[in-house]
Amino acid sequence: MKALYKGRIDAGHTEGDVMRLVTEGEGFGFKLGSARMTDMVFQYDGQDVLLVASVLNRTMGHMHLDAVSRNGKNSFVLEPVKS
């Protein structure tokens, strides 16, 4: 969550805008949004950092979100949890 929080700050996002995990084609992506009543809200240091709709949370409950540094920037990878 720290990498998502830092990325939001570095990008200068407006206060209250939070990264939302969304489906894109056959994969996942991010867009800015505000928390909805049914969202799971992940926080870092008391700040909302990631929003996941409850429907999407059930779909990806077995996935792991990780930050990978590439060329000095963070990329985010969603992979199945290894058992």
N, C-alpha and C. Protein backbone atom coordinates (compact mmCIF):
# COMPACT_ATOMS: atom_id res chain seq x y z
N MET A 1 0.81 -1.19 0.00
CA MET A 1 0.00 0.00 0.00
C MET A 1 0.86 1.27 0.00
N LYS A 2 2.05 1.14 0.58
CA LYS A 2 2.93 2.31 0.63
C LYS A 2 3.27 2.80 -0.78
N ALA A 3 3.53 1.87 -1.71
CA ALA A 3 3.88 2.27 -3.08
C ALA A 3 2.70 2.96 -3.77
N LEU A 4 1.48 2.46 -3.56
CA LEU A 4 0.30 3.12 -4.13
C LEU A 4 0.12 4.52 -3.54
N TYR A 5 0.31 4.64 -2.25
CA TYR A 5 0.17 5.93 -1.59
C TYR A 5 1.22 6.91 -2.13
N LYS A 6 2.46 6.45 -2.21
CA LYS A 6 3.54 7.32 -2.71
C LYS A 6 3.27 7.73 -4.16
N GLY A 7 2.79 6.80 -4.96
CA GLY A 7 2.48 7.11 -6.35
C GLY A 7 1.40 8.16 -6.47
N ARG A 8 0.39 8.09 -5.61
CA ARG A 8 -0.69 9.08 -5.62
C ARG A 8 -0.16 10.46 -5.25
N ILE A 9 0.70 10.51 -4.25
CA ILE A 9 1.28 11.78 -3.82
C ILE A 9 2.20 12.34 -4.91
N ASP A 10 3.07 11.48 -5.47
CA ASP A 10 4.00 11.91 -6.52
C ASP A 10 3.27 12.42 -7.76
N ALA A 11 2.11 11.83 -8.06
CA ALA A 11 1.34 12.24 -9.24
C ALA A 11 0.52 13.50 -8.98
N GLY A 12 0.47 13.95 -7.74
CA GLY A 12 -0.27 15.16 -7.41
C GLY A 12 -1.77 15.02 -7.50
N HIS A 13 -2.28 13.81 -7.23
CA HIS A 13 -3.73 13.61 -7.28
C HIS A 13 -4.45 14.51 -6.29
N THR A 14 -5.62 14.93 -6.66
CA THR A 14 -6.45 15.77 -5.81
C THR A 14 -6.82 15.02 -4.53
N GLU A 15 -6.84 15.74 -3.41
CA GLU A 15 -7.24 15.15 -2.13
C GLU A 15 -8.61 14.52 -2.29
N GLY A 16 -8.76 13.30 -1.83
CA GLY A 16 -10.03 12.59 -1.95
C GLY A 16 -10.08 11.63 -3.13
N ASP A 17 -9.19 11.83 -4.13
CA ASP A 17 -9.11 10.89 -5.23
C ASP A 17 -8.27 9.70 -4.79
N VAL A 18 -8.79 8.52 -5.02
CA VAL A 18 -8.14 7.29 -4.57
C VAL A 18 -8.08 6.33 -5.76
N MET A 19 -7.04 5.52 -5.81
CA MET A 19 -6.92 4.53 -6.88
C MET A 19 -7.98 3.45 -6.69
N ARG A 20 -8.70 3.15 -7.78
CA ARG A 20 -9.72 2.11 -7.76
C ARG A 20 -9.26 0.99 -8.70
N LEU A 21 -9.30 -0.24 -8.21
CA LEU A 21 -8.99 -1.40 -9.03
C LEU A 21 -10.20 -1.68 -9.91
N VAL A 22 -9.97 -1.79 -11.22
CA VAL A 22 -11.07 -2.02 -12.17
C VAL A 22 -10.67 -3.14 -13.13
N THR A 23 -11.65 -3.74 -13.76
CA THR A 23 -11.36 -4.72 -14.80
C THR A 23 -11.15 -3.98 -16.12
N GLU A 24 -10.19 -4.46 -16.88
CA GLU A 24 -9.88 -3.90 -18.20
C GLU A 24 -9.68 -5.07 -19.15
N GLY A 25 -10.64 -5.30 -20.02
CA GLY A 25 -10.54 -6.45 -20.92
C GLY A 25 -10.49 -7.72 -20.10
N GLU A 26 -9.41 -8.48 -20.28
CA GLU A 26 -9.25 -9.72 -19.52
C GLU A 26 -8.35 -9.55 -18.31
N GLY A 27 -7.96 -8.29 -18.03
CA GLY A 27 -7.07 -8.04 -16.90
C GLY A 27 -7.62 -6.99 -15.96
N PHE A 28 -6.72 -6.35 -15.25
CA PHE A 28 -7.08 -5.34 -14.26
C PHE A 28 -6.31 -4.07 -14.52
N GLY A 29 -6.83 -2.96 -14.04
CA GLY A 29 -6.17 -1.68 -14.15
C GLY A 29 -6.60 -0.78 -13.00
N PHE A 30 -6.20 0.47 -13.05
CA PHE A 30 -6.54 1.44 -12.02
C PHE A 30 -7.18 2.67 -12.65
N LYS A 31 -8.07 3.30 -11.92
CA LYS A 31 -8.56 4.63 -12.27
C LYS A 31 -8.85 5.36 -10.96
N LEU A 32 -8.88 6.67 -11.02
CA LEU A 32 -9.16 7.46 -9.81
C LEU A 32 -10.64 7.44 -9.50
N GLY A 33 -10.96 7.43 -8.23
CA GLY A 33 -12.36 7.45 -7.83
C GLY A 33 -12.50 7.83 -6.37
N SER A 34 -13.73 7.85 -5.93
CA SER A 34 -14.06 8.11 -4.52
C SER A 34 -14.71 6.86 -3.95
N ALA A 35 -14.56 6.68 -2.64
CA ALA A 35 -15.10 5.49 -1.99
C ALA A 35 -16.62 5.46 -2.07
N ARG A 36 -17.13 4.28 -2.32
CA ARG A 36 -18.57 4.02 -2.31
C ARG A 36 -18.88 3.17 -1.08
N MET A 37 -20.13 3.16 -0.70
CA MET A 37 -20.55 2.45 0.52
C MET A 37 -20.14 0.97 0.50
N THR A 38 -20.17 0.32 -0.67
CA THR A 38 -19.91 -1.12 -0.74
C THR A 38 -18.46 -1.47 -1.04
N ASP A 39 -17.57 -0.49 -1.16
CA ASP A 39 -16.16 -0.75 -1.46
C ASP A 39 -15.41 -1.29 -0.26
N MET A 40 -14.43 -2.13 -0.55
CA MET A 40 -13.40 -2.43 0.45
C MET A 40 -12.39 -1.31 0.30
N VAL A 41 -12.01 -0.70 1.39
CA VAL A 41 -11.08 0.43 1.36
C VAL A 41 -9.80 0.01 2.07
N PHE A 42 -8.69 0.05 1.34
CA PHE A 42 -7.40 -0.28 1.91
C PHE A 42 -6.68 1.03 2.21
N GLN A 43 -6.07 1.12 3.37
CA GLN A 43 -5.43 2.35 3.80
C GLN A 43 -3.94 2.15 4.07
N TYR A 44 -3.23 3.27 3.99
CA TYR A 44 -1.84 3.33 4.41
C TYR A 44 -1.69 4.59 5.25
N ASP A 45 -1.18 4.44 6.44
CA ASP A 45 -0.94 5.58 7.33
C ASP A 45 -2.20 6.42 7.53
N GLY A 46 -3.36 5.74 7.62
CA GLY A 46 -4.62 6.43 7.88
C GLY A 46 -5.26 7.07 6.66
N GLN A 47 -4.64 6.92 5.48
CA GLN A 47 -5.17 7.51 4.24
C GLN A 47 -5.73 6.41 3.34
N ASP A 48 -6.89 6.66 2.72
CA ASP A 48 -7.42 5.73 1.74
C ASP A 48 -6.47 5.65 0.56
N VAL A 49 -6.13 4.43 0.15
CA VAL A 49 -5.15 4.24 -0.91
C VAL A 49 -5.71 3.43 -2.08
N LEU A 50 -6.49 2.40 -1.77
CA LEU A 50 -7.00 1.52 -2.81
C LEU A 50 -8.45 1.19 -2.53
N LEU A 51 -9.27 1.29 -3.57
CA LEU A 51 -10.69 0.94 -3.49
C LEU A 51 -10.93 -0.30 -4.34
N VAL A 52 -11.68 -1.24 -3.79
CA VAL A 52 -12.04 -2.45 -4.53
C VAL A 52 -13.53 -2.69 -4.30
N ALA A 53 -14.30 -2.69 -5.39
CA ALA A 53 -15.73 -2.96 -5.28
C ALA A 53 -15.93 -4.36 -4.72
N SER A 54 -16.98 -4.55 -3.93
CA SER A 54 -17.21 -5.84 -3.29
C SER A 54 -17.34 -6.97 -4.32
N VAL A 55 -17.95 -6.70 -5.46
CA VAL A 55 -18.08 -7.72 -6.51
C VAL A 55 -16.71 -8.12 -7.04
N LEU A 56 -15.86 -7.15 -7.27
CA LEU A 56 -14.52 -7.43 -7.76
C LEU A 56 -13.68 -8.11 -6.69
N ASN A 57 -13.89 -7.76 -5.44
CA ASN A 57 -13.15 -8.38 -4.35
C ASN A 57 -13.41 -9.89 -4.31
N ARG A 58 -14.65 -10.30 -4.53
CA ARG A 58 -14.95 -11.74 -4.54
C ARG A 58 -14.25 -12.42 -5.72
N THR A 59 -14.15 -11.73 -6.84
CA THR A 59 -13.50 -12.29 -8.03
C THR A 59 -12.00 -12.45 -7.83
N MET A 60 -11.37 -11.48 -7.18
CA MET A 60 -9.91 -11.49 -7.08
C MET A 60 -9.41 -11.82 -5.69
N GLY A 61 -10.25 -12.41 -4.84
CA GLY A 61 -9.86 -12.71 -3.47
C GLY A 61 -8.64 -13.61 -3.36
N HIS A 62 -8.33 -14.35 -4.41
CA HIS A 62 -7.18 -15.26 -4.42
C HIS A 62 -5.94 -14.64 -5.08
N MET A 63 -5.98 -13.33 -5.32
CA MET A 63 -4.88 -12.65 -6.00
C MET A 63 -4.03 -11.84 -5.01
N HIS A 64 -2.80 -11.55 -5.43
CA HIS A 64 -1.85 -10.77 -4.63
C HIS A 64 -1.40 -9.58 -5.47
N LEU A 65 -1.51 -8.37 -4.93
CA LEU A 65 -1.07 -7.15 -5.61
C LEU A 65 0.32 -6.79 -5.11
N ASP A 66 1.24 -6.62 -6.04
CA ASP A 66 2.62 -6.32 -5.66
C ASP A 66 3.14 -5.15 -6.51
N ALA A 67 4.02 -4.35 -5.92
CA ALA A 67 4.66 -3.24 -6.63
C ALA A 67 6.02 -3.72 -7.14
N VAL A 68 6.29 -3.42 -8.40
CA VAL A 68 7.56 -3.79 -9.02
C VAL A 68 8.19 -2.52 -9.57
N SER A 69 9.44 -2.25 -9.20
CA SER A 69 10.12 -1.05 -9.68
C SER A 69 10.75 -1.32 -11.04
N ARG A 70 10.35 -0.50 -12.03
CA ARG A 70 10.91 -0.62 -13.38
C ARG A 70 11.28 0.77 -13.87
N ASN A 71 12.54 0.93 -14.24
CA ASN A 71 13.03 2.21 -14.76
C ASN A 71 12.72 3.37 -13.80
N GLY A 72 12.83 3.12 -12.51
CA GLY A 72 12.61 4.16 -11.52
C GLY A 72 11.15 4.45 -11.21
N LYS A 73 10.24 3.71 -11.82
CA LYS A 73 8.81 3.89 -11.55
C LYS A 73 8.21 2.58 -11.06
N ASN A 74 7.18 2.70 -10.24
CA ASN A 74 6.50 1.50 -9.76
C ASN A 74 5.45 1.06 -10.77
N SER A 75 5.44 -0.22 -11.05
CA SER A 75 4.38 -0.87 -11.80
C SER A 75 3.71 -1.83 -10.83
N PHE A 76 2.45 -2.09 -11.05
CA PHE A 76 1.73 -2.96 -10.13
C PHE A 76 1.31 -4.23 -10.85
N VAL A 77 1.57 -5.36 -10.20
CA VAL A 77 1.32 -6.67 -10.78
C VAL A 77 0.33 -7.41 -9.90
N LEU A 78 -0.68 -8.00 -10.51
CA LEU A 78 -1.67 -8.79 -9.80
C LEU A 78 -1.48 -10.23 -10.21
N GLU A 79 -1.13 -11.08 -9.24
CA GLU A 79 -0.82 -12.48 -9.53
C GLU A 79 -1.59 -13.39 -8.59
N PRO A 80 -1.85 -14.64 -9.02
CA PRO A 80 -2.49 -15.59 -8.11
C PRO A 80 -1.61 -15.84 -6.89
N VAL A 81 -2.25 -16.02 -5.73
CA VAL A 81 -1.51 -16.32 -4.51
C VAL A 81 -0.98 -17.74 -4.63
N LYS A 82 0.30 -17.91 -4.31
CA LYS A 82 0.91 -19.23 -4.34
C LYS A 82 0.53 -19.98 -3.08
N SER A 83 0.11 -21.23 -3.26
CA SER A 83 -0.30 -22.00 -2.07
C SER A 83 0.83 -22.78 -1.46
